[in-house]
C-alpha atoms as a PDB file:
ATOM      1  CA  MET A   1      91.902 102.180 109.207  1.00  0.00           C
ATOM      2  CA  SER A   2      94.837 100.153 109.938  1.00  0.00           C
ATOM      3  CA  GLU A   3      92.769  97.370 111.911  1.00  0.00           C
ATOM      4  CA  GLN A   4      94.728  94.056 111.130  1.00  0.00           C
ATOM      5  CA  VAL A   5      92.458  90.902 110.461  1.00  0.00           C
ATOM      6  CA  THR A   6      93.447  87.532 111.734  1.00  0.00           C
ATOM      7  CA  THR A   7      93.580  85.457 108.188  1.00  0.00           C
ATOM      8  CA  SER A   8      95.667  83.059 106.389  1.00  0.00           C
ATOM      9  CA  GLN A   9      97.825  84.050 103.722  1.00  0.00           C
ATOM     10  CA  ASP A  10      95.409  82.277 101.108  1.00  0.00           C
ATOM     11  CA  GLU A  11      92.397  83.873 102.439  1.00  0.00           C
ATOM     12  CA  ARG A  12      93.912  87.330 102.093  1.00  0.00           C
ATOM     13  CA  THR A  13      95.250  86.487  98.506  1.00  0.00           C
ATOM     14  CA  LEU A  14      91.947  85.125  97.456  1.00  0.00           C
ATOM     15  CA  ALA A  15      90.107  88.526  98.870  1.00  0.00           C
ATOM     16  CA  ALA A  16      92.661  90.551  97.230  1.00  0.00           C
ATOM     17  CA  LEU A  17      92.244  88.743  93.737  1.00  0.00           C
ATOM     18  CA  ALA A  18      88.804  89.427  93.933  1.00  0.00           C
ATOM     19  CA  HIS A  19      89.137  93.132  94.151  1.00  0.00           C
ATOM     20  CA  GLY A  20      92.292  93.362  91.823  1.00  0.00           C
ATOM     21  CA  SER A  21      89.831  91.118  89.162  1.00  0.00           C
ATOM     22  CA  ILE A  22      88.478  94.792  88.248  1.00  0.00           C
ATOM     23  CA  LEU A  23      91.625  94.957  85.869  1.00  0.00           C
ATOM     24  CA  LEU A  24      90.350  91.930  83.863  1.00  0.00           C
ATOM     25  CA  GLY A  25      87.591  93.997  82.756  1.00  0.00           C
ATOM     26  CA  LEU A  26      90.168  96.094  80.735  1.00  0.00           C
ATOM     27  CA  PHE A  27      90.360  93.405  78.436  1.00  0.00           C
ATOM     28  CA  SER A  28      86.977  92.012  78.592  1.00  0.00           C
ATOM     29  CA  ASN A  29      84.688  95.005  78.456  1.00  0.00           C
ATOM     30  CA  GLY A  30      84.595  94.720  82.113  1.00  0.00           C
ATOM     31  CA  ILE A  31      82.818  90.985  82.166  1.00  0.00           C
ATOM     32  CA  GLY A  32      85.929  89.195  83.117  1.00  0.00           C
ATOM     33  CA  GLY A  33      86.548  90.885  86.518  1.00  0.00           C
ATOM     34  CA  ILE A  34      82.676  90.192  87.287  1.00  0.00           C
ATOM     35  CA  VAL A  35      82.863  86.530  86.572  1.00  0.00           C
ATOM     36  CA  THR A  36      86.166  85.881  88.350  1.00  0.00           C
ATOM     37  CA  ALA A  37      84.701  87.732  91.638  1.00  0.00           C
ATOM     38  CA  LEU A  38      81.764  85.377  91.418  1.00  0.00           C
ATOM     39  CA  VAL A  39      83.490  82.298  90.852  1.00  0.00           C
ATOM     40  CA  ILE A  40      85.703  83.234  93.729  1.00  0.00           C
ATOM     41  CA  TRP A  41      82.600  84.007  96.130  1.00  0.00           C
ATOM     42  CA  ALA A  42      80.796  80.623  94.725  1.00  0.00           C
ATOM     43  CA  VAL A  43      83.485  78.351  95.663  1.00  0.00           C
ATOM     44  CA  HIS A  44      84.191  79.961  98.796  1.00  0.00           C
ATOM     45  CA  ARG A  45      81.296  81.165 100.199  1.00  0.00           C
ATOM     46  CA  ASN A  46      80.846  78.176 102.330  1.00  0.00           C
ATOM     47  CA  LYS A  47      84.785  77.788 103.198  1.00  0.00           C
ATOM     48  CA  SER A  48      85.713  80.962 104.351  1.00  0.00           C
ATOM     49  CA  THR A  49      83.524  84.110 105.506  1.00  0.00           C
ATOM     50  CA  TYR A  50      86.446  86.485 104.717  1.00  0.00           C
ATOM     51  CA  VAL A  51      87.212  85.337 101.379  1.00  0.00           C
ATOM     52  CA  ALA A  52      83.237  85.094 100.721  1.00  0.00           C
ATOM     53  CA  TYR A  53      82.810  88.847 101.940  1.00  0.00           C
ATOM     54  CA  HIS A  54      85.354  90.247 100.007  1.00  0.00           C
ATOM     55  CA  ALA A  55      84.407  88.218  96.714  1.00  0.00           C
ATOM     56  CA  LEU A  56      80.973  89.688  96.995  1.00  0.00           C
ATOM     57  CA  GLN A  57      81.612  92.837  98.036  1.00  0.00           C
ATOM     58  CA  ALA A  58      84.023  92.813  94.697  1.00  0.00           C
ATOM     59  CA  LEU A  59      81.044  91.605  92.543  1.00  0.00           C
ATOM     60  CA  VAL A  60      78.731  94.029  93.661  1.00  0.00           C
ATOM     61  CA  TYR A  61      81.175  96.775  93.176  1.00  0.00           C
ATOM     62  CA  GLN A  62      82.060  95.727  90.024  1.00  0.00           C
ATOM     63  CA  VAL A  63      78.749  95.349  88.826  1.00  0.00           C
ATOM     64  CA  ALA A  64      77.725  98.551  90.225  1.00  0.00           C
ATOM     65  CA  THR A  65      80.741 100.436  88.635  1.00  0.00           C
ATOM     66  CA  PHE A  66      80.172  98.619  85.531  1.00  0.00           C
ATOM     67  CA  LEU A  67      76.586 100.165  85.045  1.00  0.00           C
ATOM     68  CA  LEU A  68      77.845 103.261  86.135  1.00  0.00           C
ATOM     69  CA  THR A  69      80.459 103.874  83.818  1.00  0.00           C
ATOM     70  CA  MET A  70      78.294 102.526  81.103  1.00  0.00           C
ATOM     71  CA  LEU A  71      75.943 105.319  81.778  1.00  0.00           C
ATOM     72  CA  ALA A  72      78.692 107.669  81.933  1.00  0.00           C
ATOM     73  CA  TRP A  73      79.905 106.851  78.346  1.00  0.00           C
ATOM     74  CA  CYS A  74      76.190 106.615  77.192  1.00  0.00           C
ATOM     75  CA  CYS A  75      75.615 110.255  78.570  1.00  0.00           C
ATOM     76  CA  TRP A  76      78.573 111.694  76.848  1.00  0.00           C
ATOM     77  CA  GLY A  77      77.768 109.975  73.485  1.00  0.00           C
ATOM     78  CA  LEU A  78      74.598 111.564  73.479  1.00  0.00           C
ATOM     79  CA  LEU A  79      75.852 114.866  74.474  1.00  0.00           C
ATOM     80  CA  TRP A  80      78.474 114.597  71.719  1.00  0.00           C
ATOM     81  CA  THR A  81      75.966 113.627  69.313  1.00  0.00           C
ATOM     82  CA  LEU A  82      73.804 116.477  70.236  1.00  0.00           C
ATOM     83  CA  MET A  83      76.699 118.831  69.876  1.00  0.00           C
ATOM     84  CA  ILE A  84      78.066 117.841  66.949  1.00  0.00           C
ATOM     85  CA  LEU A  85      74.676 117.275  64.916  1.00  0.00           C
ATOM     86  CA  GLY A  86      72.810 120.122  65.903  1.00  0.00           C
ATOM     87  CA  PRO A  87      74.872 122.624  64.412  1.00  0.00           C
ATOM     88  CA  MET A  88      74.949 120.567  61.290  1.00  0.00           C
ATOM     89  CA  VAL A  89      71.483 120.116  60.895  1.00  0.00           C
ATOM     90  CA  GLY A  90      70.860 123.773  61.352  1.00  0.00           C
ATOM     91  CA  ASN A  91      73.449 125.049  58.576  1.00  0.00           C
ATOM     92  CA  PRO A  92      74.990 121.791  56.826  1.00  0.00           C
ATOM     93  CA  GLY A  93      76.775 123.759  54.526  1.00  0.00           C
ATOM     94  CA  ALA A  94      78.755 125.780  57.278  1.00  0.00           C
ATOM     95  CA  TYR A  95      80.803 122.602  58.140  1.00  0.00           C
ATOM     96  CA  ASP A  96      81.827 121.468  54.771  1.00  0.00           C
ATOM     97  CA  THR A  97      85.694 122.147  55.756  1.00  0.00           C
ATOM     98  CA  THR A  98      85.530 122.414  59.277  1.00  0.00           C
ATOM     99  CA  PRO A  99      84.169 120.385  62.007  1.00  0.00           C
ATOM    100  CA  PRO A 100      81.434 122.046  64.620  1.00  0.00           C
ATOM    101  CA  ALA A 101      83.084 123.340  67.697  1.00  0.00           C
ATOM    102  CA  GLY A 102      81.073 120.681  69.499  1.00  0.00           C
ATOM    103  CA  LEU A 103      83.106 118.114  68.088  1.00  0.00           C
ATOM    104  CA  TRP A 104      86.406 119.426  70.170  1.00  0.00           C
ATOM    105  CA  VAL A 105      83.912 120.555  73.470  1.00  0.00           C
ATOM    106  CA  GLY A 106      82.883 116.990  73.288  1.00  0.00           C
ATOM    107  CA  MET A 107      86.282 115.370  72.872  1.00  0.00           C
ATOM    108  CA  ALA A 108      87.209 117.559  76.330  1.00  0.00           C
ATOM    109  CA  PHE A 109      84.447 116.226  77.809  1.00  0.00           C
ATOM    110  CA  MET A 110      85.523 112.524  77.352  1.00  0.00           C
ATOM    111  CA  VAL A 111      87.597 113.041  80.369  1.00  0.00           C
ATOM    112  CA  VAL A 112      84.471 112.427  82.705  1.00  0.00           C
ATOM    113  CA  PRO A 113      83.614 108.823  81.585  1.00  0.00           C
ATOM    114  CA  LEU A 114      87.250 108.067  81.784  1.00  0.00           C
ATOM    115  CA  GLY A 115      87.933 109.609  85.078  1.00  0.00           C
ATOM    116  CA  ILE A 116      85.033 107.632  86.144  1.00  0.00           C
ATOM    117  CA  TRP A 117      86.421 104.488  84.858  1.00  0.00           C
ATOM    118  CA  ALA A 118      89.830 105.240  86.415  1.00  0.00           C
ATOM    119  CA  LEU A 119      88.450 106.154  89.867  1.00  0.00           C
ATOM    120  CA  THR A 120      86.614 102.919  89.999  1.00  0.00           C
ATOM    121  CA  ILE A 121      89.616 100.591  89.123  1.00  0.00           C
ATOM    122  CA  LEU A 122      92.004 102.501  91.517  1.00  0.00           C
ATOM    123  CA  TYR A 123      89.365 102.392  94.324  1.00  0.00           C
ATOM    124  CA  ALA A 124      89.066  98.541  93.998  1.00  0.00           C
ATOM    125  CA  LEU A 125      92.682  98.261  93.747  1.00  0.00           C
ATOM    126  CA  TRP A 126      93.297  99.760  97.004  1.00  0.00           C
ATOM    127  CA  GLY A 127      91.189  97.273  98.331  1.00  0.00           C
ATOM    128  CA  ALA A 128      93.105  94.324  96.949  1.00  0.00           C
ATOM    129  CA  VAL A 129      95.998  96.022  98.723  1.00  0.00           C
ATOM    130  CA  ARG A 130      94.340  96.472 101.769  1.00  0.00           C
ATOM    131  CA  CYS A 131      93.071  92.575 101.927  1.00  0.00           C
ATOM    132  CA  LEU A 132      96.498  91.299 100.869  1.00  0.00           C
ATOM    133  CA  GLY A 133      98.042  93.423 103.409  1.00  0.00           C
ATOM    134  CA  GLY A 134      95.678  91.766 105.979  1.00  0.00           C
ATOM    135  CA  HIS A 135      93.690  95.096 106.851  1.00  0.00           C
ATOM    136  CA  GLU A 136      90.136  95.128 107.025  1.00  0.00           C
ATOM    137  CA  PHE A 137      88.724  96.679 103.704  1.00  0.00           C
ATOM    138  CA  LYS A 138      84.846  97.809 103.342  1.00  0.00           C
ATOM    139  CA  VAL A 139      83.635  99.198  99.987  1.00  0.00           C
ATOM    140  CA  ALA A 140      81.486 102.419 100.758  1.00  0.00           C
ATOM    141  CA  VAL A 141      77.751 101.741 101.235  1.00  0.00           C
ATOM    142  CA  ILE A 142      78.483  98.019  99.394  1.00  0.00           C
ATOM    143  CA  GLY A 143      80.340  96.425 102.421  1.00  0.00           C
ATOM    144  CA  ASP A 144      77.356  97.858 104.950  1.00  0.00           C
ATOM    145  CA  TRP A 145      75.044  95.927 102.586  1.00  0.00           C
ATOM    146  CA  VAL A 146      77.060  92.858 101.922  1.00  0.00           C
ATOM    147  CA  GLU A 147      77.571  92.487 105.659  1.00  0.00           C
ATOM    148  CA  ALA A 148      73.832  92.701 106.369  1.00  0.00           C
ATOM    149  CA  GLN A 149      73.135  89.728 103.728  1.00  0.00           C
END
């Protein structure tokens, strides 16, 4: 786990930037980090295998987590809609003054997509810290696939 990698500080910084660029997604609907990792990979794919490997890992990871997070939000939205509309369609007059209980349950379930989103960001930031410190970092599943490319 504490395997040191022999690379220059610039290479470590670029690799960390590729992983850390997931934070740009917070301000760009997830696309900023993907574009940043793609640009770093495109510019350095023939210059540094270390930077190219980490940028490609970050790119694939960010695309995968973007899709996973969107799927989680869509499932949550569908569930929440069903929890609200189901009772309202069945007995619309009962909810003139108070919302259906599903409204509050659905709000509580919002923690699931938010948690997935937060964990994916923290994992990418862990990768950035590992790279910046000169340690090897391989994204689970994705790292092996990128290595085989």
